[in-house]
Every structure is written in structure tokens, then in C-alpha cells.
């Protein structure tokens, strides 16, 4: 009896692990920044490189930092949602333009609209590395004290906004 039940038990245990694994998002690798201060940075603004954007700009309000690039196809699909979110004015949206060129990034904003209060121009990607960026798009939610509270890897969707980000924003606004 044990001869047949042991392999059967091992099979069921492996099947359970497989089922759990199938429900995980392979793009979601988490972030070591959650519940820690936003990485310190000062970068030229994409719109006007004589001005800068820094982590200090997030203080005093709940903010979203969206990492994007003109060469990122998924960012183009996400862009109309960011435009609608900017009109809603539910959150301050900042951009981190990642490993891009000034001309191409500015052209995207000129042609498709600019949902960002300001964009940091991270041409070499060093600030993105400090933030743990693994690709574009990625989105971070930062609280009023400059603490990273959430990271979303990949394209934002209406579902992610409604089920995760908006409730988080509401909670952070109250604290």
C-alpha cells in the first residue's frame, strides 16, 4: 500500500505547486524599495533641461512615477490611460524617461500629449537602475513622505488602477 501511496502523494504535492505557480505573474519580480525612501536623484527635465526634477518633488503629495521611453511599444499602449488619469487629477504623475534621446522623447509628448507634471531625463539609465527598473513601462506610487509604497511592472490597465492603485491612493491620501 505504501508503495503506491507515496508516489501518489508526491504527485499531488507537485501538482499543487504547479497550480500555485500558474497563478503567479512572471513579470512581477517585486521591489526592494517597497516601504523605503525613494532613491535620491536630481536629473534634467525632459521638457527643459535647464530645470531639474528630483526625489524631493514627491514630498507633500501622493505621487506616481512612470518609467517610459519613446522606443517602448507597451508605453505607447499605456499612454492614453495616463492621459485620462492626468485629466482626472487624482494623483500627481511624474515621468522618468529611460535610456532615450531628447528629440524622440519630446516628439512622443508633442504628438501624443503630455500626462506628466514633469519628466526626468535619464539618458544613461543610472537613475532607473537605482529604482530597480528592469524594463519599461514600470510605475511606482510614492507617499507624501517620499516612501515607495507600490511598484507595478508592465502596462497599467484600467483594472490595475481600479483594483489596486486607486484604493492605495485613497489610503495614502488619508494618512
C-alpha atoms as a PDB file:
ATOM      1  CA  UNK A   1       0.000   0.000   0.000  1.00  0.00           C
ATOM      2  CA  UNK A   2       2.807   2.452   0.913  1.00  0.00           C
ATOM      3  CA  UNK A   3       4.486   1.541  -2.341  1.00  0.00           C
ATOM      4  CA  UNK A   4       1.582   3.122  -4.278  1.00  0.00           C
ATOM      5  CA  UNK A   5       0.535   5.905  -1.915  1.00  0.00           C
ATOM      6  CA  UNK A   6       3.963   7.584  -1.610  1.00  0.00           C
ATOM      7  CA  UNK A   7       4.301   8.306  -5.374  1.00  0.00           C
ATOM      8  CA  UNK A   8       0.664   9.395  -5.440  1.00  0.00           C
ATOM      9  CA  UNK A   9       1.256  11.822  -2.544  1.00  0.00           C
ATOM     10  CA  UNK A  10       4.363  13.226  -4.243  1.00  0.00           C
ATOM     11  CA  UNK A  11       2.371  13.690  -7.456  1.00  0.00           C
ATOM     12  CA  UNK A  12      -0.365  15.652  -5.634  1.00  0.00           C
ATOM     13  CA  UNK A  13       2.187  17.871  -3.861  1.00  0.00           C
ATOM     14  CA  UNK A  14       3.888  18.678  -7.171  1.00  0.00           C
ATOM     15  CA  UNK A  15       0.503  19.346  -8.788  1.00  0.00           C
ATOM     16  CA  UNK A  16      -0.356  21.847  -6.028  1.00  0.00           C
ATOM     17  CA  UNK A  17       2.947  23.701  -6.535  1.00  0.00           C
ATOM     18  CA  UNK A  18       2.325  23.760 -10.286  1.00  0.00           C
ATOM     19  CA  UNK A  19      -1.163  25.217  -9.835  1.00  0.00           C
ATOM     20  CA  UNK A  20       0.161  27.901  -7.473  1.00  0.00           C
ATOM     21  CA  UNK A  21       2.930  28.738  -9.955  1.00  0.00           C
ATOM     22  CA  UNK A  22       0.481  29.124 -12.826  1.00  0.00           C
ATOM     23  CA  UNK A  23      -1.334  31.882 -10.940  1.00  0.00           C
ATOM     24  CA  UNK A  24       1.826  33.980 -10.424  1.00  0.00           C
ATOM     25  CA  UNK A  25       2.744  36.887 -12.700  1.00  0.00           C
ATOM     26  CA  UNK A  26       6.208  36.159 -14.146  1.00  0.00           C
ATOM     27  CA  UNK A  27       6.791  39.879 -14.858  1.00  0.00           C
ATOM     28  CA  UNK A  28       6.160  40.847 -11.241  1.00  0.00           C
ATOM     29  CA  UNK A  29       9.535  40.482  -9.594  1.00  0.00           C
ATOM     30  CA  UNK A  30       8.685  42.813  -6.730  1.00  0.00           C
ATOM     31  CA  UNK A  31      10.856  45.618  -5.494  1.00  0.00           C
ATOM     32  CA  UNK A  32      13.321  46.045  -2.680  1.00  0.00           C
ATOM     33  CA  UNK A  33      12.177  49.688  -2.482  1.00  0.00           C
ATOM     34  CA  UNK A  34       8.733  48.998  -1.045  1.00  0.00           C
ATOM     35  CA  UNK A  35       8.323  50.833   2.290  1.00  0.00           C
ATOM     36  CA  UNK A  36      11.692  52.565   1.835  1.00  0.00           C
ATOM     37  CA  UNK A  37      12.527  56.143   0.833  1.00  0.00           C
ATOM     38  CA  UNK A  38      12.560  56.847  -2.882  1.00  0.00           C
ATOM     39  CA  UNK A  39      16.115  56.738  -4.233  1.00  0.00           C
ATOM     40  CA  UNK A  40      17.746  60.133  -4.262  1.00  0.00           C
ATOM     41  CA  UNK A  41      18.218  61.686  -7.702  1.00  0.00           C
ATOM     42  CA  UNK A  42      18.472  65.003  -9.493  1.00  0.00           C
ATOM     43  CA  UNK A  43      18.051  64.877 -13.265  1.00  0.00           C
ATOM     44  CA  UNK A  44      17.431  67.430 -16.000  1.00  0.00           C
ATOM     45  CA  UNK A  45      13.812  67.822 -17.014  1.00  0.00           C
ATOM     46  CA  UNK A  46      12.937  66.447 -20.420  1.00  0.00           C
ATOM     47  CA  UNK A  47      10.832  69.479 -21.248  1.00  0.00           C
ATOM     48  CA  UNK A  48      13.568  71.981 -20.307  1.00  0.00           C
ATOM     49  CA  UNK A  49      16.998  70.567 -19.455  1.00  0.00           C
ATOM     50  CA  UNK A  50      17.948  73.798 -17.655  1.00  0.00           C
ATOM     51  CA  UNK A  51      15.476  72.743 -14.894  1.00  0.00           C
ATOM     52  CA  UNK A  52      15.704  69.615 -12.768  1.00  0.00           C
ATOM     53  CA  UNK A  53      13.407  67.022 -11.247  1.00  0.00           C
ATOM     54  CA  UNK A  54      14.390  65.248  -8.049  1.00  0.00           C
ATOM     55  CA  UNK A  55      13.020  62.879  -5.438  1.00  0.00           C
ATOM     56  CA  UNK A  56      12.259  65.985  -3.325  1.00  0.00           C
ATOM     57  CA  UNK A  57       9.489  66.900  -5.798  1.00  0.00           C
ATOM     58  CA  UNK A  58       7.450  63.936  -4.499  1.00  0.00           C
ATOM     59  CA  UNK A  59       7.272  65.278  -0.931  1.00  0.00           C
ATOM     60  CA  UNK A  60       3.959  66.567   0.399  1.00  0.00           C
ATOM     61  CA  UNK A  61       1.700  64.727  -2.043  1.00  0.00           C
ATOM     62  CA  UNK A  62       0.976  61.199  -3.184  1.00  0.00           C
ATOM     63  CA  UNK A  63       2.827  60.786  -6.473  1.00  0.00           C
ATOM     64  CA  UNK A  64       3.178  58.376  -9.342  1.00  0.00           C
ATOM     65  CA  UNK A  65       6.489  57.877 -11.127  1.00  0.00           C
ATOM     66  CA  UNK A  66       6.018  56.271 -14.532  1.00  0.00           C
ATOM     67  CA  UNK A  67       9.143  54.947 -16.245  1.00  0.00           C
ATOM     68  CA  UNK A  68       8.781  55.157 -20.015  1.00  0.00           C
ATOM     69  CA  UNK A  69      10.659  55.553 -23.302  1.00  0.00           C
ATOM     70  CA  UNK A  70       9.857  56.510 -26.870  1.00  0.00           C
ATOM     71  CA  UNK A  71      11.199  53.166 -28.116  1.00  0.00           C
ATOM     72  CA  UNK A  72       8.861  51.228 -25.782  1.00  0.00           C
ATOM     73  CA  UNK A  73       5.857  49.862 -27.684  1.00  0.00           C
ATOM     74  CA  UNK A  74       3.991  48.946 -24.498  1.00  0.00           C
ATOM     75  CA  UNK A  75       4.447  52.515 -23.243  1.00  0.00           C
ATOM     76  CA  UNK A  76       2.561  53.724 -26.320  1.00  0.00           C
ATOM     77  CA  UNK A  77      -0.379  51.458 -25.444  1.00  0.00           C
ATOM     78  CA  UNK A  78      -0.312  52.718 -21.858  1.00  0.00           C
ATOM     79  CA  UNK A  79      -0.118  56.401 -22.826  1.00  0.00           C
ATOM     80  CA  UNK A  80      -3.868  57.075 -23.404  1.00  0.00           C
ATOM     81  CA  UNK A  81      -4.624  55.700 -19.929  1.00  0.00           C
ATOM     82  CA  UNK A  82      -2.046  58.064 -18.414  1.00  0.00           C
ATOM     83  CA  UNK A  83      -3.593  60.956 -20.358  1.00  0.00           C
ATOM     84  CA  UNK A  84      -7.028  60.121 -18.918  1.00  0.00           C
ATOM     85  CA  UNK A  85      -5.541  59.779 -15.441  1.00  0.00           C
ATOM     86  CA  UNK A  86      -3.884  63.184 -15.769  1.00  0.00           C
ATOM     87  CA  UNK A  87      -7.247  64.778 -16.661  1.00  0.00           C
ATOM     88  CA  UNK A  88      -8.768  63.089 -13.610  1.00  0.00           C
ATOM     89  CA  UNK A  89      -6.103  64.787 -11.430  1.00  0.00           C
ATOM     90  CA  UNK A  90      -6.384  62.028  -8.824  1.00  0.00           C
ATOM     91  CA  UNK A  91      -2.599  61.831  -8.463  1.00  0.00           C
ATOM     92  CA  UNK A  92       0.496  63.826  -9.394  1.00  0.00           C
ATOM     93  CA  UNK A  93       2.105  61.961 -12.306  1.00  0.00           C
ATOM     94  CA  UNK A  94       5.827  62.296 -12.945  1.00  0.00           C
ATOM     95  CA  UNK A  95       7.794  60.606 -15.699  1.00  0.00           C
ATOM     96  CA  UNK A  96      11.222  59.049 -15.777  1.00  0.00           C
ATOM     97  CA  UNK A  97      12.255  58.950 -19.416  1.00  0.00           C
ATOM     98  CA  UNK A  98      14.609  55.976 -19.543  1.00  0.00           C
ATOM     99  CA  UNK A  99      17.558  55.400 -21.914  1.00  0.00           C
ATOM    100  CA  UNK A 100      16.116  57.618 -24.616  1.00  0.00           C
ATOM    101  CA  UNK A 101      17.016  60.606 -26.764  1.00  0.00           C
ATOM    102  CA  UNK A 102      15.705  64.097 -26.086  1.00  0.00           C
ATOM    103  CA  UNK A 103      14.336  64.532 -29.595  1.00  0.00           C
ATOM    104  CA  UNK A 104      12.422  61.249 -29.763  1.00  0.00           C
ATOM    105  CA  UNK A 105      11.035  61.539 -26.223  1.00  0.00           C
ATOM    106  CA  UNK A 106       9.908  65.125 -26.783  1.00  0.00           C
ATOM    107  CA  UNK A 107       8.274  64.099 -30.076  1.00  0.00           C
ATOM    108  CA  UNK A 108       6.160  61.485 -28.267  1.00  0.00           C
ATOM    109  CA  UNK A 109       4.879  64.074 -25.806  1.00  0.00           C
ATOM    110  CA  UNK A 110       4.304  66.632 -28.544  1.00  0.00           C
ATOM    111  CA  UNK A 111       2.389  64.206 -30.784  1.00  0.00           C
ATOM    112  CA  UNK A 112       0.543  62.096 -28.185  1.00  0.00           C
ATOM    113  CA  UNK A 113       0.117  64.574 -25.319  1.00  0.00           C
ATOM    114  CA  UNK A 114       1.923  65.018 -22.033  1.00  0.00           C
ATOM    115  CA  UNK A 115       0.283  63.467 -18.951  1.00  0.00           C
ATOM    116  CA  UNK A 116       3.248  64.293 -16.705  1.00  0.00           C
ATOM    117  CA  UNK A 117       3.710  67.254 -14.387  1.00  0.00           C
ATOM    118  CA  UNK A 118       7.396  66.862 -15.180  1.00  0.00           C
ATOM    119  CA  UNK A 119       9.753  64.302 -16.693  1.00  0.00           C
ATOM    120  CA  UNK A 120      13.236  63.402 -15.525  1.00  0.00           C
ATOM    121  CA  UNK A 121      15.565  62.658 -18.445  1.00  0.00           C
ATOM    122  CA  UNK A 122      17.606  59.561 -17.550  1.00  0.00           C
ATOM    123  CA  UNK A 123      19.596  59.159 -20.758  1.00  0.00           C
ATOM    124  CA  UNK A 124      22.133  56.646 -19.408  1.00  0.00           C
ATOM    125  CA  UNK A 125      19.654  54.782 -17.215  1.00  0.00           C
ATOM    126  CA  UNK A 126      21.602  55.162 -13.957  1.00  0.00           C
ATOM    127  CA  UNK A 127      18.643  56.525 -12.004  1.00  0.00           C
ATOM    128  CA  UNK A 128      16.472  53.756 -13.398  1.00  0.00           C
ATOM    129  CA  UNK A 129      18.969  51.239 -12.069  1.00  0.00           C
ATOM    130  CA  UNK A 130      18.773  52.876  -8.621  1.00  0.00           C
ATOM    131  CA  UNK A 131      14.998  52.431  -8.766  1.00  0.00           C
ATOM    132  CA  UNK A 132      15.388  48.777  -9.752  1.00  0.00           C
ATOM    133  CA  UNK A 133      13.911  49.260 -13.208  1.00  0.00           C
ATOM    134  CA  UNK A 134      14.096  46.083 -15.252  1.00  0.00           C
ATOM    135  CA  UNK A 135      12.266  47.421 -18.303  1.00  0.00           C
ATOM    136  CA  UNK A 136       9.622  49.840 -19.423  1.00  0.00           C
ATOM    137  CA  UNK A 137       6.962  50.645 -18.502  1.00  0.00           C
ATOM    138  CA  UNK A 138       7.158  50.463 -14.737  1.00  0.00           C
ATOM    139  CA  UNK A 139       5.150  52.552 -12.303  1.00  0.00           C
ATOM    140  CA  UNK A 140       5.828  53.467  -8.688  1.00  0.00           C
ATOM    141  CA  UNK A 141       3.488  55.023  -6.125  1.00  0.00           C
ATOM    142  CA  UNK A 142       5.208  57.267  -3.582  1.00  0.00           C
ATOM    143  CA  UNK A 143       3.530  58.571  -0.421  1.00  0.00           C
ATOM    144  CA  UNK A 144       3.599  62.136   0.946  1.00  0.00           C
ATOM    145  CA  UNK A 145       6.783  61.441   2.901  1.00  0.00           C
ATOM    146  CA  UNK A 146       8.656  60.181  -0.162  1.00  0.00           C
ATOM    147  CA  UNK A 147       8.318  56.474   0.707  1.00  0.00           C
ATOM    148  CA  UNK A 148       7.799  53.998  -2.159  1.00  0.00           C
ATOM    149  CA  UNK A 149       4.567  52.101  -1.443  1.00  0.00           C
ATOM    150  CA  UNK A 150       3.912  50.180  -4.654  1.00  0.00           C
ATOM    151  CA  UNK A 151       5.558  49.066  -7.886  1.00  0.00           C
ATOM    152  CA  UNK A 152       3.765  47.870 -10.992  1.00  0.00           C
ATOM    153  CA  UNK A 153       5.814  46.187 -13.701  1.00  0.00           C
ATOM    154  CA  UNK A 154       4.368  46.338 -17.194  1.00  0.00           C
ATOM    155  CA  UNK A 155       1.481  48.211 -18.756  1.00  0.00           C
ATOM    156  CA  UNK A 156      -1.004  49.908 -16.479  1.00  0.00           C
ATOM    157  CA  UNK A 157      -4.587  48.883 -17.140  1.00  0.00           C
ATOM    158  CA  UNK A 158      -7.945  50.191 -16.009  1.00  0.00           C
ATOM    159  CA  UNK A 159      -8.291  47.054 -13.870  1.00  0.00           C
ATOM    160  CA  UNK A 160      -4.958  47.683 -12.085  1.00  0.00           C
ATOM    161  CA  UNK A 161      -5.951  51.311 -11.488  1.00  0.00           C
ATOM    162  CA  UNK A 162      -9.400  50.438 -10.131  1.00  0.00           C
ATOM    163  CA  UNK A 163      -8.457  47.404  -8.050  1.00  0.00           C
ATOM    164  CA  UNK A 164      -5.011  48.350  -6.744  1.00  0.00           C
ATOM    165  CA  UNK A 165      -3.762  51.874  -7.389  1.00  0.00           C
ATOM    166  CA  UNK A 166      -6.863  53.979  -6.668  1.00  0.00           C
ATOM    167  CA  UNK A 167      -7.578  52.238  -3.330  1.00  0.00           C
ATOM    168  CA  UNK A 168      -3.906  52.685  -2.389  1.00  0.00           C
ATOM    169  CA  UNK A 169      -4.005  56.373  -3.335  1.00  0.00           C
ATOM    170  CA  UNK A 170      -7.140  56.865  -1.207  1.00  0.00           C
ATOM    171  CA  UNK A 171      -5.457  55.199   1.767  1.00  0.00           C
ATOM    172  CA  UNK A 172      -2.256  57.222   1.360  1.00  0.00           C
ATOM    173  CA  UNK A 173      -4.168  60.488   0.970  1.00  0.00           C
ATOM    174  CA  UNK A 174      -5.874  59.894   4.315  1.00  0.00           C
ATOM    175  CA  UNK A 175      -2.643  59.222   6.191  1.00  0.00           C
END
